[in-house]
PDB file of N, CA and C in Angstrom:
ATOM      1  N   MET A   1     -79.563  58.409 -47.752  1.00  0.00           N
ATOM      2  CA  MET A   1     -79.607  57.010 -47.403  1.00  0.00           C
ATOM      3  C   MET A   1     -78.716  56.780 -46.176  1.00  0.00           C
ATOM      4  N   ALA A   2     -79.254  56.151 -45.165  1.00  0.00           N
ATOM      5  CA  ALA A   2     -78.518  55.927 -43.920  1.00  0.00           C
ATOM      6  C   ALA A   2     -77.509  54.793 -44.079  1.00  0.00           C
ATOM      7  N   GLN A   3     -76.352  54.981 -43.457  1.00  0.00           N
ATOM      8  CA  GLN A   3     -75.311  53.953 -43.464  1.00  0.00           C
ATOM      9  C   GLN A   3     -75.651  52.873 -42.444  1.00  0.00           C
ATOM     10  N   GLU A   4     -75.334  51.633 -42.770  1.00  0.00           N
ATOM     11  CA  GLU A   4     -75.465  50.558 -41.796  1.00  0.00           C
ATOM     12  C   GLU A   4     -74.295  50.664 -40.821  1.00  0.00           C
ATOM     13  N   VAL A   5     -74.600  50.604 -39.528  1.00  0.00           N
ATOM     14  CA  VAL A   5     -73.570  50.739 -38.497  1.00  0.00           C
ATOM     15  C   VAL A   5     -73.452  49.434 -37.730  1.00  0.00           C
ATOM     16  N   LEU A   6     -72.231  48.960 -37.618  1.00  0.00           N
ATOM     17  CA  LEU A   6     -71.929  47.764 -36.840  1.00  0.00           C
ATOM     18  C   LEU A   6     -71.454  48.210 -35.461  1.00  0.00           C
ATOM     19  N   ARG A   7     -72.068  47.660 -34.429  1.00  0.00           N
ATOM     20  CA  ARG A   7     -71.705  47.976 -33.039  1.00  0.00           C
ATOM     21  C   ARG A   7     -70.932  46.788 -32.476  1.00  0.00           C
ATOM     22  N   VAL A   8     -69.696  47.029 -32.037  1.00  0.00           N
ATOM     23  CA  VAL A   8     -68.833  45.960 -31.525  1.00  0.00           C
ATOM     24  C   VAL A   8     -68.474  46.268 -30.076  1.00  0.00           C
ATOM     25  N   ARG A   9     -68.793  45.346 -29.181  1.00  0.00           N
ATOM     26  CA  ARG A   9     -68.396  45.464 -27.773  1.00  0.00           C
ATOM     27  C   ARG A   9     -66.927  45.068 -27.662  1.00  0.00           C
ATOM     28  N   LEU A  10     -66.077  46.022 -27.307  1.00  0.00           N
ATOM     29  CA  LEU A  10     -64.637  45.774 -27.296  1.00  0.00           C
ATOM     30  C   LEU A  10     -64.227  44.767 -26.226  1.00  0.00           C
ATOM     31  N   ALA A  11     -64.982  44.659 -25.152  1.00  0.00           N
ATOM     32  CA  ALA A  11     -64.677  43.679 -24.100  1.00  0.00           C
ATOM     33  C   ALA A  11     -64.775  42.247 -24.622  1.00  0.00           C
ATOM     34  N   ASP A  12     -65.511  42.042 -25.712  1.00  0.00           N
ATOM     35  CA  ASP A  12     -65.635  40.710 -26.316  1.00  0.00           C
ATOM     36  C   ASP A  12     -64.395  40.314 -27.114  1.00  0.00           C
ATOM     37  N   HIS A  13     -63.473  41.256 -27.313  1.00  0.00           N
ATOM     38  CA  HIS A  13     -62.272  41.022 -28.125  1.00  0.00           C
ATOM     39  C   HIS A  13     -61.039  41.492 -27.342  1.00  0.00           C
ATOM     40  N   PRO A  14     -60.598  40.700 -26.352  1.00  0.00           N
ATOM     41  CA  PRO A  14     -59.498  41.125 -25.478  1.00  0.00           C
ATOM     42  C   PRO A  14     -58.197  41.419 -26.214  1.00  0.00           C
ATOM     43  N   GLN A  15     -58.012  40.848 -27.400  1.00  0.00           N
ATOM     44  CA  GLN A  15     -56.786  41.122 -28.154  1.00  0.00           C
ATOM     45  C   GLN A  15     -56.683  42.597 -28.555  1.00  0.00           C
ATOM     46  N   LEU A  16     -57.805  43.331 -28.544  1.00  0.00           N
ATOM     47  CA  LEU A  16     -57.775  44.753 -28.894  1.00  0.00           C
ATOM     48  C   LEU A  16     -57.423  45.640 -27.705  1.00  0.00           C
ATOM     49  N   ALA A  17     -57.331  45.051 -26.514  1.00  0.00           N
ATOM     50  CA  ALA A  17     -56.993  45.832 -25.323  1.00  0.00           C
ATOM     51  C   ALA A  17     -55.515  46.210 -25.312  1.00  0.00           C
ATOM     52  N   ARG A  18     -54.691  45.448 -26.011  1.00  0.00           N
ATOM     53  CA  ARG A  18     -53.248  45.728 -26.009  1.00  0.00           C
ATOM     54  C   ARG A  18     -52.848  46.458 -27.292  1.00  0.00           C
ATOM     55  N   PRO A  19     -51.869  47.356 -27.195  1.00  0.00           N
ATOM     56  CA  PRO A  19     -51.370  48.015 -28.397  1.00  0.00           C
ATOM     57  C   PRO A  19     -50.869  46.981 -29.404  1.00  0.00           C
ATOM     58  N   GLY A  20     -51.246  47.153 -30.648  1.00  0.00           N
ATOM     59  CA  GLY A  20     -50.818  46.242 -31.702  1.00  0.00           C
ATOM     60  C   GLY A  20     -51.738  45.060 -31.917  1.00  0.00           C
ATOM     61  N   GLY A  21     -52.782  44.920 -31.106  1.00  0.00           N
ATOM     62  CA  GLY A  21     -53.705  43.794 -31.256  1.00  0.00           C
ATOM     63  C   GLY A  21     -54.600  43.951 -32.479  1.00  0.00           C
ATOM     64  N   ALA A  22     -55.106  42.837 -32.970  1.00  0.00           N
ATOM     65  CA  ALA A  22     -55.990  42.866 -34.136  1.00  0.00           C
ATOM     66  C   ALA A  22     -56.918  41.666 -34.091  1.00  0.00           C
ATOM     67  N   VAL A  23     -58.066  41.801 -34.769  1.00  0.00           N
ATOM     68  CA  VAL A  23     -59.031  40.706 -34.840  1.00  0.00           C
ATOM     69  C   VAL A  23     -59.822  40.827 -36.142  1.00  0.00           C
ATOM     70  N   ALA A  24     -60.065  39.683 -36.773  1.00  0.00           N
ATOM     71  CA  ALA A  24     -60.964  39.620 -37.929  1.00  0.00           C
ATOM     72  C   ALA A  24     -62.318  39.181 -37.388  1.00  0.00           C
ATOM     73  N   LEU A  25     -63.317  40.034 -37.521  1.00  0.00           N
ATOM     74  CA  LEU A  25     -64.648  39.716 -37.009  1.00  0.00           C
ATOM     75  C   LEU A  25     -65.318  38.696 -37.910  1.00  0.00           C
ATOM     76  N   LYS A  26     -65.958  37.732 -37.320  1.00  0.00           N
ATOM     77  CA  LYS A  26     -66.684  36.726 -38.097  1.00  0.00           C
ATOM     78  C   LYS A  26     -68.024  37.319 -38.529  1.00  0.00           C
ATOM     79  N   GLY A  27     -68.349  37.184 -39.776  1.00  0.00           N
ATOM     80  CA  GLY A  27     -69.649  37.637 -40.258  1.00  0.00           C
ATOM     81  C   GLY A  27     -69.637  38.945 -41.023  1.00  0.00           C
ATOM     82  N   PRO A  28     -69.346  40.082 -40.354  1.00  0.00           N
ATOM     83  CA  PRO A  28     -69.542  41.357 -41.047  1.00  0.00           C
ATOM     84  C   PRO A  28     -68.457  41.745 -42.037  1.00  0.00           C
ATOM     85  N   GLY A  29     -67.364  40.995 -42.133  1.00  0.00           N
ATOM     86  CA  GLY A  29     -66.318  41.331 -43.097  1.00  0.00           C
ATOM     87  C   GLY A  29     -65.473  42.514 -42.688  1.00  0.00           C
ATOM     88  N   VAL A  30     -65.118  42.575 -41.400  1.00  0.00           N
ATOM     89  CA  VAL A  30     -64.354  43.699 -40.863  1.00  0.00           C
ATOM     90  C   VAL A  30     -63.143  43.175 -40.095  1.00  0.00           C
ATOM     91  N   VAL A  31     -62.016  43.876 -40.262  1.00  0.00           N
ATOM     92  CA  VAL A  31     -60.817  43.624 -39.468  1.00  0.00           C
ATOM     93  C   VAL A  31     -60.597  44.862 -38.605  1.00  0.00           C
ATOM     94  N   LEU A  32     -60.417  44.663 -37.291  1.00  0.00           N
ATOM     95  CA  LEU A  32     -60.112  45.758 -36.373  1.00  0.00           C
ATOM     96  C   LEU A  32     -58.649  45.662 -35.966  1.00  0.00           C
ATOM     97  N   VAL A  33     -57.970  46.819 -35.934  1.00  0.00           N
ATOM     98  CA  VAL A  33     -56.543  46.866 -35.624  1.00  0.00           C
ATOM     99  C   VAL A  33     -56.294  47.983 -34.617  1.00  0.00           C
ATOM    100  N   ARG A  34     -55.591  47.658 -33.533  1.00  0.00           N
ATOM    101  CA  ARG A  34     -55.210  48.655 -32.529  1.00  0.00           C
ATOM    102  C   ARG A  34     -53.783  49.093 -32.835  1.00  0.00           C
ATOM    103  N   GLY A  35     -53.565  50.399 -32.945  1.00  0.00           N
ATOM    104  CA  GLY A  35     -52.230  50.921 -33.231  1.00  0.00           C
ATOM    105  C   GLY A  35     -51.233  50.578 -32.138  1.00  0.00           C
ATOM    106  N   LYS A  36     -49.969  50.471 -32.511  1.00  0.00           N
ATOM    107  CA  LYS A  36     -48.925  50.100 -31.543  1.00  0.00           C
ATOM    108  C   LYS A  36     -48.539  51.258 -30.634  1.00  0.00           C
ATOM    109  N   ASN A  37     -48.464  52.482 -31.158  1.00  0.00           N
ATOM    110  CA  ASN A  37     -47.962  53.601 -30.368  1.00  0.00           C
ATOM    111  C   ASN A  37     -49.072  54.387 -29.677  1.00  0.00           C
ATOM    112  N   LYS A  38     -49.958  54.972 -30.438  1.00  0.00           N
ATOM    113  CA  LYS A  38     -51.009  55.812 -29.864  1.00  0.00           C
ATOM    114  C   LYS A  38     -52.250  55.012 -29.481  1.00  0.00           C
ATOM    115  N   GLY A  39     -52.320  53.756 -29.899  1.00  0.00           N
ATOM    116  CA  GLY A  39     -53.465  52.928 -29.543  1.00  0.00           C
ATOM    117  C   GLY A  39     -54.728  53.226 -30.324  1.00  0.00           C
ATOM    118  N   THR A  40     -54.598  53.928 -31.451  1.00  0.00           N
ATOM    119  CA  THR A  40     -55.752  54.248 -32.280  1.00  0.00           C
ATOM    120  C   THR A  40     -56.375  52.969 -32.825  1.00  0.00           C
ATOM    121  N   LEU A  41     -57.693  52.886 -32.759  1.00  0.00           N
ATOM    122  CA  LEU A  41     -58.403  51.733 -33.305  1.00  0.00           C
ATOM    123  C   LEU A  41     -58.863  52.061 -34.719  1.00  0.00           C
ATOM    124  N   ARG A  42     -58.579  51.165 -35.658  1.00  0.00           N
ATOM    125  CA  ARG A  42     -58.976  51.335 -37.059  1.00  0.00           C
ATOM    126  C   ARG A  42     -59.789  50.129 -37.499  1.00  0.00           C
ATOM    127  N   ALA A  43     -60.653  50.357 -38.473  1.00  0.00           N
ATOM    128  CA  ALA A  43     -61.454  49.272 -39.051  1.00  0.00           C
ATOM    129  C   ALA A  43     -61.212  49.249 -40.553  1.00  0.00           C
ATOM    130  N   PHE A  44     -61.076  48.038 -41.094  1.00  0.00           N
ATOM    131  CA  PHE A  44     -60.875  47.854 -42.525  1.00  0.00           C
ATOM    132  C   PHE A  44     -61.837  46.798 -43.038  1.00  0.00           C
ATOM    133  N   SER A  45     -62.223  46.939 -44.293  1.00  0.00           N
ATOM    134  CA  SER A  45     -62.953  45.864 -44.963  1.00  0.00           C
ATOM    135  C   SER A  45     -61.989  44.697 -45.101  1.00  0.00           C
ATOM    136  N   ASN A  46     -62.473  43.484 -44.887  1.00  0.00           N
ATOM    137  CA  ASN A  46     -61.574  42.328 -45.008  1.00  0.00           C
ATOM    138  C   ASN A  46     -61.510  41.787 -46.431  1.00  0.00           C
ATOM    139  N   VAL A  47     -62.089  42.511 -47.386  1.00  0.00           N
ATOM    140  CA  VAL A  47     -62.055  42.086 -48.786  1.00  0.00           C
ATOM    141  C   VAL A  47     -60.711  42.477 -49.393  1.00  0.00           C
ATOM    142  N   CYS A  48     -59.993  41.489 -49.914  1.00  0.00           N
ATOM    143  CA  CYS A  48     -58.704  41.755 -50.541  1.00  0.00           C
ATOM    144  C   CYS A  48     -58.914  42.602 -51.795  1.00  0.00           C
ATOM    145  N   PRO A  49     -58.198  43.734 -51.933  1.00  0.00           N
ATOM    146  CA  PRO A  49     -58.377  44.566 -53.120  1.00  0.00           C
ATOM    147  C   PRO A  49     -57.869  43.907 -54.404  1.00  0.00           C
ATOM    148  N   HIS A  50     -57.082  42.849 -54.295  1.00  0.00           N
ATOM    149  CA  HIS A  50     -56.544  42.157 -55.459  1.00  0.00           C
ATOM    150  C   HIS A  50     -57.561  41.194 -56.064  1.00  0.00           C
ATOM    151  N   LYS A  51     -58.175  40.365 -55.245  1.00  0.00           N
ATOM    152  CA  LYS A  51     -59.166  39.376 -55.696  1.00  0.00           C
ATOM    153  C   LYS A  51     -60.393  39.473 -54.789  1.00  0.00           C
ATOM    154  N   PRO A  52     -61.246  40.483 -54.995  1.00  0.00           N
ATOM    155  CA  PRO A  52     -62.369  40.720 -54.086  1.00  0.00           C
ATOM    156  C   PRO A  52     -63.315  39.530 -53.904  1.00  0.00           C
ATOM    157  N   LYS A  53     -63.487  38.710 -54.922  1.00  0.00           N
ATOM    158  CA  LYS A  53     -64.427  37.592 -54.795  1.00  0.00           C
ATOM    159  C   LYS A  53     -63.813  36.390 -54.090  1.00  0.00           C
ATOM    160  N   LYS A  54     -62.481  36.326 -54.043  1.00  0.00           N
ATOM    161  CA  LYS A  54     -61.804  35.167 -53.455  1.00  0.00           C
ATOM    162  C   LYS A  54     -61.145  35.478 -52.122  1.00  0.00           C
ATOM    163  N   GLY A  55     -60.430  36.586 -52.058  1.00  0.00           N
ATOM    164  CA  GLY A  55     -59.571  36.845 -50.907  1.00  0.00           C
ATOM    165  C   GLY A  55     -60.263  37.534 -49.754  1.00  0.00           C
ATOM    166  N   ARG A  56     -59.993  37.053 -48.553  1.00  0.00           N
ATOM    167  CA  ARG A  56     -60.462  37.670 -47.319  1.00  0.00           C
ATOM    168  C   ARG A  56     -59.260  37.847 -46.404  1.00  0.00           C
ATOM    169  N   VAL A  57     -59.053  39.072 -45.961  1.00  0.00           N
ATOM    170  CA  VAL A  57     -57.914  39.390 -45.112  1.00  0.00           C
ATOM    171  C   VAL A  57     -58.104  38.738 -43.750  1.00  0.00           C
ATOM    172  N   LYS A  58     -57.032  38.126 -43.258  1.00  0.00           N
ATOM    173  CA  LYS A  58     -57.054  37.460 -41.958  1.00  0.00           C
ATOM    174  C   LYS A  58     -55.915  37.986 -41.102  1.00  0.00           C
ATOM    175  N   VAL A  59     -56.012  37.732 -39.808  1.00  0.00           N
ATOM    176  CA  VAL A  59     -54.989  38.151 -38.854  1.00  0.00           C
ATOM    177  C   VAL A  59     -54.160  36.928 -38.492  1.00  0.00           C
ATOM    178  N   TYR A  60     -52.825  37.055 -38.603  1.00  0.00           N
ATOM    179  CA  TYR A  60     -51.927  35.928 -38.349  1.00  0.00           C
ATOM    180  C   TYR A  60     -50.881  36.271 -37.305  1.00  0.00           C
ATOM    181  N   GLY A  61     -50.591  35.328 -36.430  1.00  0.00           N
ATOM    182  CA  GLY A  61     -49.436  35.369 -35.545  1.00  0.00           C
ATOM    183  C   GLY A  61     -49.504  36.348 -34.396  1.00  0.00           C
ATOM    184  N   GLU A  62     -48.452  36.286 -33.579  1.00  0.00           N
ATOM    185  CA  GLU A  62     -48.316  37.149 -32.406  1.00  0.00           C
ATOM    186  C   GLU A  62     -48.273  38.626 -32.786  1.00  0.00           C
ATOM    187  N   ASP A  63     -47.671  38.928 -33.944  1.00  0.00           N
ATOM    188  CA  ASP A  63     -47.551  40.327 -34.354  1.00  0.00           C
ATOM    189  C   ASP A  63     -48.779  40.808 -35.114  1.00  0.00           C
ATOM    190  N   CYS A  64     -49.822  39.974 -35.182  1.00  0.00           N
ATOM    191  CA  CYS A  64     -51.105  40.336 -35.796  1.00  0.00           C
ATOM    192  C   CYS A  64     -50.941  40.846 -37.225  1.00  0.00           C
ATOM    193  N   GLN A  65     -50.236  40.087 -38.030  1.00  0.00           N
ATOM    194  CA  GLN A  65     -50.022  40.444 -39.430  1.00  0.00           C
ATOM    195  C   GLN A  65     -51.339  40.335 -40.199  1.00  0.00           C
ATOM    196  N   LEU A  66     -51.631  41.324 -41.036  1.00  0.00           N
ATOM    197  CA  LEU A  66     -52.809  41.303 -41.897  1.00  0.00           C
ATOM    198  C   LEU A  66     -52.392  40.715 -43.235  1.00  0.00           C
ATOM    199  N   ARG A  67     -53.038  39.616 -43.623  1.00  0.00           N
ATOM    200  CA  ARG A  67     -52.612  38.922 -44.841  1.00  0.00           C
ATOM    201  C   ARG A  67     -53.800  38.263 -45.520  1.00  0.00           C
ATOM    202  N   CYS A  68     -53.774  38.282 -46.853  1.00  0.00           N
ATOM    203  CA  CYS A  68     -54.740  37.530 -47.651  1.00  0.00           C
ATOM    204  C   CYS A  68     -54.089  36.195 -48.000  1.00  0.00           C
ATOM    205  N   PRO A  69     -54.704  35.083 -47.621  1.00  0.00           N
ATOM    206  CA  PRO A  69     -54.089  33.785 -47.874  1.00  0.00           C
ATOM    207  C   PRO A  69     -54.110  33.350 -49.341  1.00  0.00           C
ATOM    208  N   VAL A  70     -54.874  34.028 -50.192  1.00  0.00           N
ATOM    209  CA  VAL A  70     -54.973  33.614 -51.597  1.00  0.00           C
ATOM    210  C   VAL A  70     -53.667  33.875 -52.346  1.00  0.00           C
ATOM    211  N   HIS A  71     -53.140  35.102 -52.260  1.00  0.00           N
ATOM    212  CA  HIS A  71     -51.904  35.440 -52.975  1.00  0.00           C
ATOM    213  C   HIS A  71     -50.829  36.024 -52.069  1.00  0.00           C
ATOM    214  N   ASP A  72     -51.015  35.914 -50.760  1.00  0.00           N
ATOM    215  CA  ASP A  72     -50.012  36.349 -49.786  1.00  0.00           C
ATOM    216  C   ASP A  72     -49.779  37.856 -49.734  1.00  0.00           C
ATOM    217  N   TRP A  73     -50.746  38.656 -50.141  1.00  0.00           N
ATOM    218  CA  TRP A  73     -50.608  40.092 -49.964  1.00  0.00           C
ATOM    219  C   TRP A  73     -50.637  40.384 -48.475  1.00  0.00           C
ATOM    220  N   THR A  74     -49.845  41.374 -48.020  1.00  0.00           N
ATOM    221  CA  THR A  74     -49.836  41.774 -46.614  1.00  0.00           C
ATOM    222  C   THR A  74     -49.982  43.294 -46.506  1.00  0.00           C
ATOM    223  N   TRP A  75     -50.503  43.727 -45.338  1.00  0.00           N
ATOM    224  CA  TRP A  75     -50.731  45.147 -45.083  1.00  0.00           C
ATOM    225  C   TRP A  75     -50.280  45.503 -43.685  1.00  0.00           C
ATOM    226  N   GLY A  76     -49.918  46.789 -43.510  1.00  0.00           N
ATOM    227  CA  GLY A  76     -49.556  47.310 -42.201  1.00  0.00           C
ATOM    228  C   GLY A  76     -50.795  47.694 -41.402  1.00  0.00           C
ATOM    229  N   ARG A  77     -50.574  48.177 -40.197  1.00  0.00           N
ATOM    230  CA  ARG A  77     -51.667  48.508 -39.273  1.00  0.00           C
ATOM    231  C   ARG A  77     -52.522  49.677 -39.722  1.00  0.00           C
ATOM    232  N   LYS A  78     -52.036  50.457 -40.685  1.00  0.00           N
ATOM    233  CA  LYS A  78     -52.825  51.566 -41.220  1.00  0.00           C
ATOM    234  C   LYS A  78     -53.429  51.201 -42.569  1.00  0.00           C
ATOM    235  N   GLY A  79     -53.365  49.917 -42.928  1.00  0.00           N
ATOM    236  CA  GLY A  79     -53.962  49.445 -44.175  1.00  0.00           C
ATOM    237  C   GLY A  79     -53.081  49.610 -45.395  1.00  0.00           C
ATOM    238  N   GLN A  80     -51.856  50.100 -45.203  1.00  0.00           N
ATOM    239  CA  GLN A  80     -50.958  50.328 -46.331  1.00  0.00           C
ATOM    240  C   GLN A  80     -50.345  49.000 -46.790  1.00  0.00           C
ATOM    241  N   PRO A  81     -50.125  48.846 -48.109  1.00  0.00           N
ATOM    242  CA  PRO A  81     -49.528  47.614 -48.616  1.00  0.00           C
ATOM    243  C   PRO A  81     -48.094  47.445 -48.129  1.00  0.00           C
ATOM    244  N   LYS A  82     -47.732  46.189 -47.854  1.00  0.00           N
ATOM    245  CA  LYS A  82     -46.367  45.846 -47.448  1.00  0.00           C
ATOM    246  C   LYS A  82     -45.881  44.722 -48.350  1.00  0.00           C
ATOM    247  N   GLY A  83     -44.585  44.608 -48.473  1.00  0.00           N
ATOM    248  CA  GLY A  83     -44.028  43.538 -49.289  1.00  0.00           C
ATOM    249  C   GLY A  83     -44.114  43.863 -50.766  1.00  0.00           C
ATOM    250  N   LYS A  84     -43.665  42.924 -51.577  1.00  0.00           N
ATOM    251  CA  LYS A  84     -43.592  43.151 -53.021  1.00  0.00           C
ATOM    252  C   LYS A  84     -44.919  42.913 -53.726  1.00  0.00           C
ATOM    253  N   GLN A  85     -45.735  41.985 -53.220  1.00  0.00           N
ATOM    254  CA  GLN A  85     -46.959  41.637 -53.928  1.00  0.00           C
ATOM    255  C   GLN A  85     -48.051  42.702 -53.811  1.00  0.00           C
ATOM    256  N   ALA A  86     -48.325  43.165 -52.603  1.00  0.00           N
ATOM    257  CA  ALA A  86     -49.460  44.070 -52.376  1.00  0.00           C
ATOM    258  C   ALA A  86     -49.246  45.402 -53.080  1.00  0.00           C
ATOM    259  N   LYS A  87     -50.251  45.833 -53.807  1.00  0.00           N
ATOM    260  CA  LYS A  87     -50.171  47.097 -54.544  1.00  0.00           C
ATOM    261  C   LYS A  87     -51.204  48.110 -54.056  1.00  0.00           C
ATOM    262  N   LYS A  88     -52.316  47.634 -53.497  1.00  0.00           N
ATOM    263  CA  LYS A  88     -53.416  48.522 -53.119  1.00  0.00           C
ATOM    264  C   LYS A  88     -53.643  48.453 -51.608  1.00  0.00           C
ATOM    265  N   PRO A  89     -54.035  49.602 -51.009  1.00  0.00           N
ATOM    266  CA  PRO A  89     -54.325  49.591 -49.576  1.00  0.00           C
ATOM    267  C   PRO A  89     -55.669  48.918 -49.290  1.00  0.00           C
ATOM    268  N   LEU A  90     -55.848  48.540 -48.032  1.00  0.00           N
ATOM    269  CA  LEU A  90     -57.153  48.049 -47.597  1.00  0.00           C
ATOM    270  C   LEU A  90     -58.113  49.232 -47.507  1.00  0.00           C
ATOM    271  N   ARG A  91     -59.396  48.973 -47.704  1.00  0.00           N
ATOM    272  CA  ARG A  91     -60.397  50.041 -47.606  1.00  0.00           C
ATOM    273  C   ARG A  91     -60.711  50.278 -46.132  1.00  0.00           C
ATOM    274  N   GLU A  92     -60.391  51.486 -45.663  1.00  0.00           N
ATOM    275  CA  GLU A  92     -60.655  51.819 -44.261  1.00  0.00           C
ATOM    276  C   GLU A  92     -62.117  52.217 -44.099  1.00  0.00           C
ATOM    277  N   LEU A  93     -62.702  51.769 -43.009  1.00  0.00           N
ATOM    278  CA  LEU A  93     -64.090  52.069 -42.683  1.00  0.00           C
ATOM    279  C   LEU A  93     -64.116  53.109 -41.563  1.00  0.00           C
ATOM    280  N   ARG A  94     -65.099  53.987 -41.615  1.00  0.00           N
ATOM    281  CA  ARG A  94     -65.222  55.010 -40.570  1.00  0.00           C
ATOM    282  C   ARG A  94     -65.569  54.340 -39.248  1.00  0.00           C
ATOM    283  N   LEU A  95     -64.853  54.725 -38.188  1.00  0.00           N
ATOM    284  CA  LEU A  95     -65.022  54.112 -36.874  1.00  0.00           C
ATOM    285  C   LEU A  95     -65.012  55.190 -35.801  1.00  0.00           C
ATOM    286  N   VAL A  96     -65.922  55.050 -34.844  1.00  0.00           N
ATOM    287  CA  VAL A  96     -65.934  55.895 -33.650  1.00  0.00           C
ATOM    288  C   VAL A  96     -65.854  54.954 -32.460  1.00  0.00           C
ATOM    289  N   GLU A  97     -64.912  55.227 -31.555  1.00  0.00           N
ATOM    290  CA  GLU A  97     -64.755  54.412 -30.351  1.00  0.00           C
ATOM    291  C   GLU A  97     -65.244  55.225 -29.161  1.00  0.00           C
ATOM    292  N   ARG A  98     -66.220  54.656 -28.430  1.00  0.00           N
ATOM    293  CA  ARG A  98     -66.707  55.347 -27.235  1.00  0.00           C
ATOM    294  C   ARG A  98     -67.452  54.374 -26.326  1.00  0.00           C
ATOM    295  N   GLY A  99     -67.337  54.601 -25.049  1.00  0.00           N
ATOM    296  CA  GLY A  99     -68.073  53.811 -24.073  1.00  0.00           C
ATOM    297  C   GLY A  99     -67.839  52.318 -24.166  1.00  0.00           C
ATOM    298  N   GLY A 100     -66.606  51.915 -24.496  1.00  0.00           N
ATOM    299  CA  GLY A 100     -66.303  50.489 -24.581  1.00  0.00           C
ATOM    300  C   GLY A 100     -66.818  49.814 -25.836  1.00  0.00           C
ATOM    301  N   GLU A 101     -67.237  50.620 -26.806  1.00  0.00           N
ATOM    302  CA  GLU A 101     -67.737  50.068 -28.074  1.00  0.00           C
ATOM    303  C   GLU A 101     -67.038  50.729 -29.253  1.00  0.00           C
ATOM    304  N   ALA A 102     -67.044  50.018 -30.366  1.00  0.00           N
ATOM    305  CA  ALA A 102     -66.615  50.584 -31.644  1.00  0.00           C
ATOM    306  C   ALA A 102     -67.850  50.618 -32.536  1.00  0.00           C
ATOM    307  N   LEU A 103     -68.148  51.779 -33.094  1.00  0.00           N
ATOM    308  CA  LEU A 103     -69.248  51.939 -34.041  1.00  0.00           C
ATOM    309  C   LEU A 103     -68.621  52.100 -35.419  1.00  0.00           C
ATOM    310  N   ILE A 104     -68.947  51.182 -36.325  1.00  0.00           N
ATOM    311  CA  ILE A 104     -68.283  51.116 -37.624  1.00  0.00           C
ATOM    312  C   ILE A 104     -69.315  51.275 -38.728  1.00  0.00           C
ATOM    313  N   GLU A 105     -69.087  52.236 -39.631  1.00  0.00           N
ATOM    314  CA  GLU A 105     -69.962  52.413 -40.795  1.00  0.00           C
ATOM    315  C   GLU A 105     -69.555  51.410 -41.860  1.00  0.00           C
ATOM    316  N   LEU A 106     -70.484  50.561 -42.265  1.00  0.00           N
ATOM    317  CA  LEU A 106     -70.169  49.491 -43.209  1.00  0.00           C
ATOM    318  C   LEU A 106     -70.314  49.891 -44.668  1.00  0.00           C
ATOM    319  N   GLY A 107     -70.962  50.994 -44.961  1.00  0.00           N
ATOM    320  CA  GLY A 107     -71.243  51.374 -46.345  1.00  0.00           C
ATOM    321  C   GLY A 107     -70.106  51.888 -47.135  1.00  0.00           C
TER     322      GLY A 107
END
């Protein structure tokens, strides 16, 4: 069975051009995060692992904090839980970056 692939034009999201930038894509349920040091681009499902039917991870502030507004869970740039509340990591999605695009497997 073939995986559904989301194609994202990175030029449409200037916040990803800088190290540490992040964006929550409208529609497909994906958060993209650019690493601070090596600039690695990662993709995560925006579904909160705590309350999947209620929580959607959003990007907040200048430091691009990943947070679920339902119970205030927060995650680092690699999807790892931060703070006292968060217990589970975000689900990372397979991503290939090439030619100014990010190709993300949604399955």
